[in-house]
Amino acid sequence: MNEHLVALGFLGLHVTWWKLIGYTGALMFGGRWVVQFVASKRAGKPVIPRVFWYMSVVGSLMTLSYFLFSSKQDSVGVLQNIFPAFTALYSLSLDIRHRGWHRDKASH
């Protein structure tokens, strides 16, 4: 998965499958703030929808896998992503335990 993708060669980019995983994880991890902003704006108060936690978990695990398994193998990136993955999993479990599985659907 560390081979360059030919499909992106015409752009002059050196992108591998691992980099695509890392980019997707970074976009998902950052995009969760857009989701939180939109949910809060709609509610007129600070809100953290459950999808925020799912995006946190998936995004941090994807970027963590990039730093662990790609040719990068960067310990700084591992440390930077292991703690958000743990806290997001914990927060998601608290949200499910406290509000149940169907809390977002029940609130409408």
N, C-alpha and C. Protein backbone atom coordinates (compact mmCIF):
# COMPACT_ATOMS: atom_id res chain seq x y z
N MET A 1 0.81 -1.19 0.00
CA MET A 1 0.00 0.00 0.00
C MET A 1 0.86 1.26 0.00
N ASN A 2 2.16 1.10 -0.03
CA ASN A 2 3.06 2.25 -0.08
C ASN A 2 3.48 2.60 -1.50
N GLU A 3 2.91 1.89 -2.51
CA GLU A 3 3.24 2.19 -3.90
C GLU A 3 2.48 3.44 -4.33
N HIS A 4 3.10 4.22 -5.23
CA HIS A 4 2.45 5.43 -5.74
C HIS A 4 1.26 5.04 -6.61
N LEU A 5 0.20 5.80 -6.51
CA LEU A 5 -0.98 5.56 -7.33
C LEU A 5 -0.80 6.23 -8.69
N VAL A 6 -0.92 5.45 -9.71
CA VAL A 6 -0.73 5.98 -11.06
C VAL A 6 -1.81 6.99 -11.40
N ALA A 7 -3.01 6.78 -10.91
CA ALA A 7 -4.14 7.65 -11.25
C ALA A 7 -3.89 9.11 -10.87
N LEU A 8 -3.05 9.36 -9.90
CA LEU A 8 -2.79 10.73 -9.46
C LEU A 8 -1.43 11.24 -9.95
N GLY A 9 -0.73 10.43 -10.71
CA GLY A 9 0.58 10.82 -11.19
C GLY A 9 0.56 12.03 -12.08
N PHE A 10 -0.52 12.21 -12.87
CA PHE A 10 -0.60 13.35 -13.78
C PHE A 10 -0.68 14.68 -13.03
N LEU A 11 -1.04 14.63 -11.76
CA LEU A 11 -1.10 15.85 -10.95
C LEU A 11 0.26 16.20 -10.33
N GLY A 12 1.20 15.29 -10.47
CA GLY A 12 2.51 15.50 -9.87
C GLY A 12 2.54 15.20 -8.38
N LEU A 13 1.50 14.52 -7.89
CA LEU A 13 1.43 14.18 -6.47
C LEU A 13 1.96 12.77 -6.24
N HIS A 14 2.62 12.60 -5.15
CA HIS A 14 3.10 11.28 -4.75
C HIS A 14 2.18 10.77 -3.66
N VAL A 15 1.09 10.15 -4.09
CA VAL A 15 0.07 9.70 -3.16
C VAL A 15 0.03 8.18 -3.17
N THR A 16 0.00 7.61 -1.96
CA THR A 16 -0.11 6.17 -1.80
C THR A 16 -1.48 5.87 -1.19
N TRP A 17 -1.84 4.59 -1.14
CA TRP A 17 -3.09 4.20 -0.48
C TRP A 17 -3.07 4.61 0.98
N TRP A 18 -1.93 4.50 1.65
CA TRP A 18 -1.85 4.92 3.06
C TRP A 18 -2.08 6.41 3.20
N LYS A 19 -1.55 7.20 2.26
CA LYS A 19 -1.78 8.64 2.33
C LYS A 19 -3.26 8.95 2.12
N LEU A 20 -3.93 8.24 1.23
CA LEU A 20 -5.36 8.45 1.05
C LEU A 20 -6.13 8.14 2.33
N ILE A 21 -5.71 7.09 3.02
CA ILE A 21 -6.33 6.75 4.30
C ILE A 21 -6.06 7.87 5.31
N GLY A 22 -4.83 8.36 5.35
CA GLY A 22 -4.47 9.45 6.25
C GLY A 22 -5.22 10.74 5.94
N TYR A 23 -5.30 11.08 4.64
CA TYR A 23 -6.04 12.28 4.24
C TYR A 23 -7.51 12.16 4.63
N THR A 24 -8.11 11.01 4.34
CA THR A 24 -9.52 10.81 4.66
C THR A 24 -9.76 10.91 6.16
N GLY A 25 -8.87 10.30 6.95
CA GLY A 25 -8.98 10.38 8.40
C GLY A 25 -8.85 11.81 8.90
N ALA A 26 -7.90 12.55 8.35
CA ALA A 26 -7.71 13.94 8.77
C ALA A 26 -8.92 14.79 8.40
N LEU A 27 -9.48 14.58 7.21
CA LEU A 27 -10.68 15.32 6.80
C LEU A 27 -11.87 14.97 7.68
N MET A 28 -12.00 13.69 8.03
CA MET A 28 -13.11 13.27 8.87
C MET A 28 -12.94 13.84 10.28
N PHE A 29 -11.74 13.78 10.81
CA PHE A 29 -11.48 14.28 12.16
C PHE A 29 -11.72 15.78 12.22
N GLY A 30 -11.29 16.51 11.21
CA GLY A 30 -11.52 17.94 11.18
C GLY A 30 -12.96 18.29 10.85
N GLY A 31 -13.59 17.50 9.99
CA GLY A 31 -14.96 17.76 9.57
C GLY A 31 -15.98 17.60 10.68
N ARG A 32 -15.61 16.91 11.73
CA ARG A 32 -16.55 16.72 12.83
C ARG A 32 -16.92 18.06 13.47
N TRP A 33 -16.01 19.05 13.37
CA TRP A 33 -16.32 20.37 13.92
C TRP A 33 -17.37 21.08 13.09
N VAL A 34 -17.39 20.83 11.80
CA VAL A 34 -18.44 21.40 10.95
C VAL A 34 -19.79 20.80 11.35
N VAL A 35 -19.82 19.49 11.57
CA VAL A 35 -21.04 18.82 12.00
C VAL A 35 -21.52 19.40 13.33
N GLN A 36 -20.61 19.60 14.26
CA GLN A 36 -20.96 20.14 15.57
C GLN A 36 -21.47 21.58 15.43
N PHE A 37 -20.84 22.37 14.58
CA PHE A 37 -21.25 23.75 14.36
C PHE A 37 -22.67 23.81 13.80
N VAL A 38 -22.94 23.00 12.79
CA VAL A 38 -24.26 23.00 12.16
C VAL A 38 -25.33 22.55 13.17
N ALA A 39 -25.04 21.50 13.93
CA ALA A 39 -26.01 21.01 14.93
C ALA A 39 -26.28 22.07 16.00
N SER A 40 -25.25 22.77 16.44
CA SER A 40 -25.41 23.81 17.45
C SER A 40 -26.18 25.00 16.89
N LYS A 41 -25.89 25.37 15.66
CA LYS A 41 -26.59 26.48 15.03
C LYS A 41 -28.08 26.18 14.90
N ARG A 42 -28.40 24.96 14.50
CA ARG A 42 -29.81 24.56 14.36
C ARG A 42 -30.52 24.54 15.71
N ALA A 43 -29.83 24.07 16.74
CA ALA A 43 -30.44 23.96 18.07
C ALA A 43 -30.44 25.29 18.82
N GLY A 44 -29.59 26.21 18.41
CA GLY A 44 -29.50 27.49 19.11
C GLY A 44 -28.78 27.39 20.44
N LYS A 45 -28.06 26.31 20.63
CA LYS A 45 -27.28 26.09 21.85
C LYS A 45 -26.18 25.08 21.54
N PRO A 46 -25.15 24.98 22.39
CA PRO A 46 -24.09 24.01 22.12
C PRO A 46 -24.63 22.57 22.14
N VAL A 47 -24.38 21.85 21.07
CA VAL A 47 -24.84 20.47 20.93
C VAL A 47 -23.71 19.64 20.34
N ILE A 48 -23.55 18.44 20.84
CA ILE A 48 -22.60 17.51 20.24
C ILE A 48 -23.39 16.28 19.79
N PRO A 49 -23.69 16.20 18.49
CA PRO A 49 -24.44 15.04 18.00
C PRO A 49 -23.58 13.79 18.03
N ARG A 50 -24.23 12.65 18.07
CA ARG A 50 -23.48 11.39 18.16
C ARG A 50 -22.55 11.18 16.97
N VAL A 51 -22.94 11.68 15.80
CA VAL A 51 -22.08 11.53 14.63
C VAL A 51 -20.72 12.19 14.85
N PHE A 52 -20.67 13.22 15.70
CA PHE A 52 -19.39 13.85 16.06
C PHE A 52 -18.44 12.81 16.65
N TRP A 53 -18.96 11.98 17.55
CA TRP A 53 -18.10 10.97 18.18
C TRP A 53 -17.71 9.88 17.20
N TYR A 54 -18.64 9.47 16.32
CA TYR A 54 -18.30 8.47 15.30
C TYR A 54 -17.20 9.01 14.38
N MET A 55 -17.34 10.27 13.96
CA MET A 55 -16.31 10.86 13.10
C MET A 55 -14.99 10.98 13.84
N SER A 56 -15.03 11.27 15.14
CA SER A 56 -13.81 11.35 15.94
C SER A 56 -13.10 10.00 15.99
N VAL A 57 -13.87 8.95 16.26
CA VAL A 57 -13.29 7.61 16.37
C VAL A 57 -12.71 7.18 15.03
N VAL A 58 -13.51 7.25 13.97
CA VAL A 58 -13.05 6.79 12.65
C VAL A 58 -11.88 7.64 12.15
N GLY A 59 -11.99 8.95 12.27
CA GLY A 59 -10.92 9.83 11.80
C GLY A 59 -9.61 9.60 12.53
N SER A 60 -9.67 9.49 13.85
CA SER A 60 -8.42 9.29 14.60
C SER A 60 -7.84 7.90 14.36
N LEU A 61 -8.69 6.88 14.21
CA LEU A 61 -8.18 5.54 13.92
C LEU A 61 -7.56 5.45 12.52
N MET A 62 -8.15 6.16 11.56
CA MET A 62 -7.58 6.17 10.21
C MET A 62 -6.22 6.87 10.19
N THR A 63 -6.12 8.03 10.83
CA THR A 63 -4.83 8.72 10.85
C THR A 63 -3.82 7.94 11.70
N LEU A 64 -4.29 7.32 12.76
CA LEU A 64 -3.40 6.47 13.57
C LEU A 64 -2.86 5.32 12.73
N SER A 65 -3.72 4.67 11.94
CA SER A 65 -3.25 3.57 11.10
C SER A 65 -2.25 4.06 10.06
N TYR A 66 -2.45 5.27 9.54
CA TYR A 66 -1.47 5.83 8.60
C TYR A 66 -0.10 5.94 9.25
N PHE A 67 -0.06 6.50 10.47
CA PHE A 67 1.23 6.68 11.13
C PHE A 67 1.84 5.37 11.62
N LEU A 68 1.01 4.37 11.86
CA LEU A 68 1.52 3.08 12.32
C LEU A 68 2.01 2.18 11.18
N PHE A 69 1.24 2.13 10.09
CA PHE A 69 1.47 1.09 9.08
C PHE A 69 2.06 1.58 7.77
N SER A 70 2.04 2.87 7.50
CA SER A 70 2.63 3.35 6.25
C SER A 70 4.14 3.39 6.40
N SER A 71 4.79 3.76 5.33
CA SER A 71 6.25 3.88 5.41
C SER A 71 6.65 5.03 6.31
N LYS A 72 5.71 5.90 6.65
CA LYS A 72 5.97 7.05 7.52
C LYS A 72 6.39 6.59 8.92
N GLN A 73 5.59 5.72 9.53
CA GLN A 73 5.82 5.19 10.87
C GLN A 73 6.40 6.25 11.81
N ASP A 74 5.59 7.27 12.04
CA ASP A 74 6.00 8.43 12.82
C ASP A 74 5.43 8.35 14.23
N SER A 75 6.29 8.27 15.23
CA SER A 75 5.84 8.13 16.61
C SER A 75 5.11 9.38 17.10
N VAL A 76 5.44 10.55 16.57
CA VAL A 76 4.72 11.77 16.94
C VAL A 76 3.27 11.67 16.49
N GLY A 77 3.05 11.22 15.26
CA GLY A 77 1.70 11.05 14.74
C GLY A 77 0.92 10.00 15.52
N VAL A 78 1.61 8.95 15.95
CA VAL A 78 0.95 7.91 16.75
C VAL A 78 0.47 8.51 18.06
N LEU A 79 1.36 9.21 18.76
CA LEU A 79 0.98 9.84 20.03
C LEU A 79 -0.12 10.87 19.84
N GLN A 80 -0.05 11.60 18.75
CA GLN A 80 -1.03 12.64 18.47
C GLN A 80 -2.42 12.06 18.23
N ASN A 81 -2.53 10.82 17.78
CA ASN A 81 -3.82 10.25 17.42
C ASN A 81 -4.32 9.16 18.35
N ILE A 82 -3.47 8.61 19.20
CA ILE A 82 -3.91 7.53 20.08
C ILE A 82 -4.81 8.06 21.20
N PHE A 83 -4.51 9.22 21.74
CA PHE A 83 -5.32 9.76 22.82
C PHE A 83 -6.70 10.23 22.34
N PRO A 84 -6.80 10.93 21.20
CA PRO A 84 -8.14 11.26 20.71
C PRO A 84 -8.99 10.02 20.41
N ALA A 85 -8.36 8.96 19.91
CA ALA A 85 -9.12 7.73 19.64
C ALA A 85 -9.69 7.16 20.93
N PHE A 86 -8.87 7.13 21.97
CA PHE A 86 -9.33 6.60 23.25
C PHE A 86 -10.44 7.46 23.84
N THR A 87 -10.25 8.77 23.86
CA THR A 87 -11.25 9.65 24.47
C THR A 87 -12.55 9.66 23.66
N ALA A 88 -12.46 9.58 22.34
CA ALA A 88 -13.67 9.54 21.52
C ALA A 88 -14.44 8.24 21.74
N LEU A 89 -13.73 7.14 21.84
CA LEU A 89 -14.40 5.86 22.13
C LEU A 89 -15.07 5.91 23.50
N TYR A 90 -14.40 6.46 24.46
CA TYR A 90 -14.96 6.57 25.81
C TYR A 90 -16.19 7.49 25.81
N SER A 91 -16.09 8.65 25.14
CA SER A 91 -17.21 9.58 25.08
C SER A 91 -18.39 8.99 24.33
N LEU A 92 -18.12 8.25 23.26
CA LEU A 92 -19.19 7.59 22.52
C LEU A 92 -19.89 6.56 23.40
N SER A 93 -19.12 5.79 24.15
CA SER A 93 -19.73 4.79 25.04
C SER A 93 -20.56 5.46 26.14
N LEU A 94 -20.08 6.58 26.67
CA LEU A 94 -20.87 7.32 27.66
C LEU A 94 -22.17 7.86 27.05
N ASP A 95 -22.09 8.37 25.85
CA ASP A 95 -23.26 8.91 25.17
C ASP A 95 -24.30 7.82 24.95
N ILE A 96 -23.86 6.67 24.50
CA ILE A 96 -24.78 5.55 24.27
C ILE A 96 -25.37 5.06 25.60
N ARG A 97 -24.53 4.94 26.61
CA ARG A 97 -25.00 4.46 27.91
C ARG A 97 -25.98 5.45 28.55
N HIS A 98 -25.69 6.73 28.42
CA HIS A 98 -26.51 7.76 29.07
C HIS A 98 -27.81 8.02 28.31
N ARG A 99 -27.74 8.10 27.00
CA ARG A 99 -28.91 8.51 26.21
C ARG A 99 -29.53 7.39 25.38
N GLY A 100 -28.91 6.22 25.37
CA GLY A 100 -29.47 5.11 24.61
C GLY A 100 -29.01 5.13 23.15
N TRP A 101 -29.34 4.08 22.44
CA TRP A 101 -28.90 3.93 21.05
C TRP A 101 -29.61 4.87 20.09
N HIS A 102 -30.86 5.18 20.35
CA HIS A 102 -31.67 5.92 19.39
C HIS A 102 -31.94 7.35 19.82
N ARG A 103 -31.06 7.97 20.56
CA ARG A 103 -31.32 9.29 21.12
C ARG A 103 -31.53 10.35 20.06
N ASP A 104 -30.77 10.33 18.97
CA ASP A 104 -30.93 11.37 17.94
C ASP A 104 -32.27 11.26 17.23
N LYS A 105 -32.75 10.04 17.02
CA LYS A 105 -34.04 9.83 16.36
C LYS A 105 -35.19 10.19 17.27
N ALA A 106 -35.06 9.91 18.56
CA ALA A 106 -36.15 10.15 19.52
C ALA A 106 -36.37 11.62 19.79
N SER A 107 -35.36 12.46 19.55
CA SER A 107 -35.47 13.87 19.90
C SER A 107 -36.29 14.66 18.89
N HIS A 108 -36.65 14.08 17.72
CA HIS A 108 -37.42 14.82 16.71
C HIS A 108 -38.89 14.69 16.92
